[in-house]
PDB file of N, CA and C in Angstrom:
ATOM      1  N   UNK A   1     118.878  48.482   9.630  1.00  0.00           N
ATOM      2  CA  UNK A   1     120.029  47.874  10.033  1.00  0.00           C
ATOM      3  C   UNK A   1     119.845  46.457  10.351  1.00  0.00           C
ATOM      4  N   UNK A   2     120.683  45.586   9.893  1.00  0.00           N
ATOM      5  CA  UNK A   2     120.622  43.949  10.479  1.00  0.00           C
ATOM      6  C   UNK A   2     120.692  43.851  11.951  1.00  0.00           C
ATOM      7  N   UNK A   3     120.036  43.736  12.466  1.00  0.00           N
ATOM      8  CA  UNK A   3     120.180  43.347  14.204  1.00  0.00           C
ATOM      9  C   UNK A   3     120.839  42.018  14.491  1.00  0.00           C
ATOM     10  N   UNK A   4     120.686  41.065  13.386  1.00  0.00           N
ATOM     11  CA  UNK A   4     121.264  39.791  13.729  1.00  0.00           C
ATOM     12  C   UNK A   4     122.676  39.685  13.828  1.00  0.00           C
ATOM     13  N   UNK A   5     123.356  40.665  13.174  1.00  0.00           N
ATOM     14  CA  UNK A   5     124.946  40.851  13.456  1.00  0.00           C
ATOM     15  C   UNK A   5     125.077  41.385  14.896  1.00  0.00           C
ATOM     16  N   UNK A   6     124.285  42.058  15.230  1.00  0.00           N
ATOM     17  CA  UNK A   6     124.479  42.883  16.674  1.00  0.00           C
ATOM     18  C   UNK A   6     124.400  41.772  17.775  1.00  0.00           C
ATOM     19  N   UNK A   7     123.767  40.887  17.665  1.00  0.00           N
ATOM     20  CA  UNK A   7     123.517  39.911  18.764  1.00  0.00           C
ATOM     21  C   UNK A   7     124.848  39.006  19.265  1.00  0.00           C
ATOM     22  N   UNK A   8     125.788  39.131  18.339  1.00  0.00           N
ATOM     23  CA  UNK A   8     127.397  38.732  18.569  1.00  0.00           C
ATOM     24  C   UNK A   8     127.964  39.637  19.738  1.00  0.00           C
ATOM     25  N   UNK A   9     127.362  40.778  19.752  1.00  0.00           N
ATOM     26  CA  UNK A   9     128.243  41.926  20.410  1.00  0.00           C
ATOM     27  C   UNK A   9     127.290  42.036  21.939  1.00  0.00           C
ATOM     28  N   UNK A  10     126.350  41.418  22.450  1.00  0.00           N
ATOM     29  CA  UNK A  10     125.725  41.494  23.670  1.00  0.00           C
ATOM     30  C   UNK A  10     126.786  41.310  24.446  1.00  0.00           C
ATOM     31  N   UNK A  11     126.762  42.395  25.440  1.00  0.00           N
ATOM     32  CA  UNK A  11     127.497  42.415  26.676  1.00  0.00           C
ATOM     33  C   UNK A  11     128.824  42.894  26.470  1.00  0.00           C
ATOM     34  N   UNK A  12     128.985  43.458  25.125  1.00  0.00           N
ATOM     35  CA  UNK A  12     130.378  44.386  24.735  1.00  0.00           C
ATOM     36  C   UNK A  12     130.111  45.893  25.016  1.00  0.00           C
ATOM     37  N   UNK A  13     130.944  46.785  25.028  1.00  0.00           N
ATOM     38  CA  UNK A  13     130.942  47.957  25.333  1.00  0.00           C
ATOM     39  C   UNK A  13     131.062  48.449  23.681  1.00  0.00           C
ATOM     40  N   UNK A  14     130.350  49.481  23.277  1.00  0.00           N
ATOM     41  CA  UNK A  14     130.064  49.856  21.860  1.00  0.00           C
ATOM     42  C   UNK A  14     130.128  51.402  22.162  1.00  0.00           C
ATOM     43  N   UNK A  15     130.210  52.059  20.904  1.00  0.00           N
ATOM     44  CA  UNK A  15     129.963  53.433  20.577  1.00  0.00           C
ATOM     45  C   UNK A  15     129.299  53.542  19.448  1.00  0.00           C
ATOM     46  N   UNK A  16     128.078  54.115  19.827  1.00  0.00           N
ATOM     47  CA  UNK A  16     126.865  54.094  18.764  1.00  0.00           C
ATOM     48  C   UNK A  16     126.785  55.753  18.418  1.00  0.00           C
ATOM     49  N   UNK A  17     126.787  55.743  17.239  1.00  0.00           N
ATOM     50  CA  UNK A  17     126.351  57.225  16.555  1.00  0.00           C
ATOM     51  C   UNK A  17     124.724  57.046  15.927  1.00  0.00           C
ATOM     52  N   UNK A  18     123.998  57.637  16.535  1.00  0.00           N
ATOM     53  CA  UNK A  18     122.795  57.683  15.948  1.00  0.00           C
ATOM     54  C   UNK A  18     122.278  58.973  15.469  1.00  0.00           C
ATOM     55  N   UNK A  19     121.154  58.929  14.354  1.00  0.00           N
ATOM     56  CA  UNK A  19     120.703  60.053  13.725  1.00  0.00           C
ATOM     57  C   UNK A  19     119.968  60.908  14.625  1.00  0.00           C
ATOM     58  N   UNK A  20     120.609  62.169  14.485  1.00  0.00           N
ATOM     59  CA  UNK A  20     119.957  63.117  15.356  1.00  0.00           C
ATOM     60  C   UNK A  20     120.868  63.586  16.600  1.00  0.00           C
ATOM     61  N   UNK A  21     121.896  62.675  16.930  1.00  0.00           N
ATOM     62  CA  UNK A  21     122.679  62.978  17.941  1.00  0.00           C
ATOM     63  C   UNK A  21     123.871  63.709  17.491  1.00  0.00           C
ATOM     64  N   UNK A  22     124.235  64.623  18.212  1.00  0.00           N
ATOM     65  CA  UNK A  22     125.564  65.481  17.683  1.00  0.00           C
ATOM     66  C   UNK A  22     126.752  64.713  17.820  1.00  0.00           C
ATOM     67  N   UNK A  23     126.921  63.764  18.782  1.00  0.00           N
ATOM     68  CA  UNK A  23     128.105  62.988  18.878  1.00  0.00           C
ATOM     69  C   UNK A  23     127.564  61.585  19.199  1.00  0.00           C
ATOM     70  N   UNK A  24     128.609  60.763  19.379  1.00  0.00           N
ATOM     71  CA  UNK A  24     128.223  59.262  19.798  1.00  0.00           C
ATOM     72  C   UNK A  24     128.016  59.139  21.131  1.00  0.00           C
ATOM     73  N   UNK A  25     127.509  57.896  21.639  1.00  0.00           N
ATOM     74  CA  UNK A  25     127.473  57.600  23.129  1.00  0.00           C
ATOM     75  C   UNK A  25     128.101  56.381  23.312  1.00  0.00           C
ATOM     76  N   UNK A  26     128.608  55.978  24.354  1.00  0.00           N
ATOM     77  CA  UNK A  26     129.133  54.609  24.805  1.00  0.00           C
ATOM     78  C   UNK A  26     128.211  54.053  25.820  1.00  0.00           C
ATOM     79  N   UNK A  27     128.237  52.421  25.631  1.00  0.00           N
ATOM     80  CA  UNK A  27     127.441  51.689  26.304  1.00  0.00           C
ATOM     81  C   UNK A  27     127.646  50.408  26.164  1.00  0.00           C
ATOM     82  N   UNK A  28     127.023  49.487  27.020  1.00  0.00           N
ATOM     83  CA  UNK A  28     127.222  47.836  26.653  1.00  0.00           C
ATOM     84  C   UNK A  28     125.756  47.741  26.024  1.00  0.00           C
ATOM     85  N   UNK A  29     125.643  46.644  25.107  1.00  0.00           N
ATOM     86  CA  UNK A  29     124.463  46.400  24.528  1.00  0.00           C
ATOM     87  C   UNK A  29     124.056  45.180  25.296  1.00  0.00           C
ATOM     88  N   UNK A  30     122.817  45.211  25.835  1.00  0.00           N
ATOM     89  CA  UNK A  30     122.111  44.348  26.784  1.00  0.00           C
ATOM     90  C   UNK A  30     121.236  43.425  26.156  1.00  0.00           C
ATOM     91  N   UNK A  31     120.489  43.573  25.170  1.00  0.00           N
ATOM     92  CA  UNK A  31     119.582  42.905  24.337  1.00  0.00           C
ATOM     93  C   UNK A  31     119.515  43.556  22.898  1.00  0.00           C
ATOM     94  N   UNK A  32     119.027  42.404  21.935  1.00  0.00           N
ATOM     95  CA  UNK A  32     118.788  42.951  20.679  1.00  0.00           C
ATOM     96  C   UNK A  32     117.434  42.039  20.260  1.00  0.00           C
ATOM     97  N   UNK A  33     116.219  42.969  20.217  1.00  0.00           N
ATOM     98  CA  UNK A  33     114.954  42.408  19.748  1.00  0.00           C
ATOM     99  C   UNK A  33     114.050  43.134  19.049  1.00  0.00           C
ATOM    100  N   UNK A  34     113.597  42.488  17.950  1.00  0.00           N
ATOM    101  CA  UNK A  34     112.725  43.154  17.038  1.00  0.00           C
ATOM    102  C   UNK A  34     113.166  44.525  16.417  1.00  0.00           C
ATOM    103  N   UNK A  35     114.427  44.802  16.020  1.00  0.00           N
ATOM    104  CA  UNK A  35     114.937  45.923  15.553  1.00  0.00           C
ATOM    105  C   UNK A  35     115.268  46.912  16.702  1.00  0.00           C
ATOM    106  N   UNK A  36     115.110  46.465  17.919  1.00  0.00           N
ATOM    107  CA  UNK A  36     115.334  47.504  19.180  1.00  0.00           C
ATOM    108  C   UNK A  36     116.835  46.945  19.912  1.00  0.00           C
ATOM    109  N   UNK A  37     117.479  47.857  20.246  1.00  0.00           N
ATOM    110  CA  UNK A  37     118.707  47.714  21.358  1.00  0.00           C
ATOM    111  C   UNK A  37     118.363  48.016  22.777  1.00  0.00           C
ATOM    112  N   UNK A  38     118.736  47.403  23.523  1.00  0.00           N
ATOM    113  CA  UNK A  38     118.822  47.859  24.962  1.00  0.00           C
ATOM    114  C   UNK A  38     120.115  47.968  25.162  1.00  0.00           C
ATOM    115  N   UNK A  39     120.562  49.419  25.575  1.00  0.00           N
ATOM    116  CA  UNK A  39     121.966  49.692  26.038  1.00  0.00           C
ATOM    117  C   UNK A  39     121.944  50.406  27.262  1.00  0.00           C
ATOM    118  N   UNK A  40     123.094  50.002  27.960  1.00  0.00           N
ATOM    119  CA  UNK A  40     122.984  50.446  29.258  1.00  0.00           C
ATOM    120  C   UNK A  40     124.405  51.388  29.418  1.00  0.00           C
ATOM    121  N   UNK A  41     124.473  52.574  29.815  1.00  0.00           N
ATOM    122  CA  UNK A  41     125.578  53.199  30.237  1.00  0.00           C
ATOM    123  C   UNK A  41     125.643  53.543  31.486  1.00  0.00           C
ATOM    124  N   UNK A  42     126.600  54.678  31.882  1.00  0.00           N
ATOM    125  CA  UNK A  42     126.988  54.878  33.370  1.00  0.00           C
ATOM    126  C   UNK A  42     125.657  55.088  34.206  1.00  0.00           C
ATOM    127  N   UNK A  43     124.751  55.742  33.848  1.00  0.00           N
ATOM    128  CA  UNK A  43     123.551  56.015  34.577  1.00  0.00           C
ATOM    129  C   UNK A  43     122.291  55.680  34.109  1.00  0.00           C
ATOM    130  N   UNK A  44     122.095  55.398  32.773  1.00  0.00           N
ATOM    131  CA  UNK A  44     120.706  55.226  32.265  1.00  0.00           C
ATOM    132  C   UNK A  44     120.753  53.611  31.549  1.00  0.00           C
ATOM    133  N   UNK A  45     119.603  53.515  30.938  1.00  0.00           N
ATOM    134  CA  UNK A  45     119.318  52.360  30.085  1.00  0.00           C
ATOM    135  C   UNK A  45     118.566  52.836  28.951  1.00  0.00           C
ATOM    136  N   UNK A  46     119.135  52.694  27.861  1.00  0.00           N
ATOM    137  CA  UNK A  46     118.412  53.286  26.725  1.00  0.00           C
ATOM    138  C   UNK A  46     117.841  52.120  25.721  1.00  0.00           C
ATOM    139  N   UNK A  47     116.581  52.419  25.020  1.00  0.00           N
ATOM    140  CA  UNK A  47     116.045  51.566  24.075  1.00  0.00           C
ATOM    141  C   UNK A  47     116.244  52.329  22.699  1.00  0.00           C
ATOM    142  N   UNK A  48     116.790  51.910  21.853  1.00  0.00           N
ATOM    143  CA  UNK A  48     117.113  52.406  20.440  1.00  0.00           C
ATOM    144  C   UNK A  48     116.742  51.672  19.516  1.00  0.00           C
ATOM    145  N   UNK A  49     115.909  52.333  18.530  1.00  0.00           N
ATOM    146  CA  UNK A  49     115.386  51.795  17.335  1.00  0.00           C
ATOM    147  C   UNK A  49     116.682  51.669  16.214  1.00  0.00           C
ATOM    148  N   UNK A  50     116.813  50.516  15.891  1.00  0.00           N
ATOM    149  CA  UNK A  50     118.000  50.170  15.035  1.00  0.00           C
ATOM    150  C   UNK A  50     118.033  50.947  13.656  1.00  0.00           C
ATOM    151  N   UNK A  51     116.864  51.397  13.290  1.00  0.00           N
ATOM    152  CA  UNK A  51     116.795  52.312  12.034  1.00  0.00           C
ATOM    153  C   UNK A  51     117.444  53.382  12.227  1.00  0.00           C
ATOM    154  N   UNK A  52     117.743  54.095  13.306  1.00  0.00           N
ATOM    155  CA  UNK A  52     118.043  55.183  13.673  1.00  0.00           C
ATOM    156  C   UNK A  52     119.744  55.336  13.824  1.00  0.00           C
ATOM    157  N   UNK A  53     120.314  53.977  13.815  1.00  0.00           N
ATOM    158  CA  UNK A  53     121.829  53.992  14.063  1.00  0.00           C
ATOM    159  C   UNK A  53     122.580  54.297  12.670  1.00  0.00           C
ATOM    160  N   UNK A  54     123.726  55.137  12.834  1.00  0.00           N
ATOM    161  CA  UNK A  54     124.345  55.505  11.711  1.00  0.00           C
ATOM    162  C   UNK A  54     125.478  54.663  11.589  1.00  0.00           C
ATOM    163  N   UNK A  55     126.208  54.300  12.674  1.00  0.00           N
ATOM    164  CA  UNK A  55     127.385  53.843  12.817  1.00  0.00           C
ATOM    165  C   UNK A  55     127.646  53.400  14.328  1.00  0.00           C
ATOM    166  N   UNK A  56     128.251  52.143  14.468  1.00  0.00           N
ATOM    167  CA  UNK A  56     128.618  51.349  15.695  1.00  0.00           C
ATOM    168  C   UNK A  56     130.166  50.946  15.478  1.00  0.00           C
ATOM    169  N   UNK A  57     130.721  51.455  16.771  1.00  0.00           N
ATOM    170  CA  UNK A  57     132.264  51.099  16.835  1.00  0.00           C
ATOM    171  C   UNK A  57     132.190  50.129  18.115  1.00  0.00           C
ATOM    172  N   UNK A  58     133.174  48.945  17.621  1.00  0.00           N
ATOM    173  CA  UNK A  58     133.458  48.101  18.720  1.00  0.00           C
ATOM    174  C   UNK A  58     134.963  47.980  18.836  1.00  0.00           C
ATOM    175  N   UNK A  59     135.464  47.744  20.037  1.00  0.00           N
ATOM    176  CA  UNK A  59     137.114  47.500  20.123  1.00  0.00           C
ATOM    177  C   UNK A  59     137.551  46.230  19.935  1.00  0.00           C
ATOM    178  N   UNK A  60     138.369  46.028  19.557  1.00  0.00           N
ATOM    179  CA  UNK A  60     139.025  44.775  18.900  1.00  0.00           C
ATOM    180  C   UNK A  60     139.481  43.946  20.261  1.00  0.00           C
TER     181      UNK A  60
END
């Protein structure tokens, strides 16, 4: 996945559907670096490899 596009959405709430996940999860993109996303949800911070992302939904 081209992470350059995701840098415009840092600080925004998103829903991410990743490979191997049964459903999507919501979180805020904190950072995008070297093909990795740092995502914060209510209780945790996740580091997600961008190659594992199948779909990302953004609110308008």
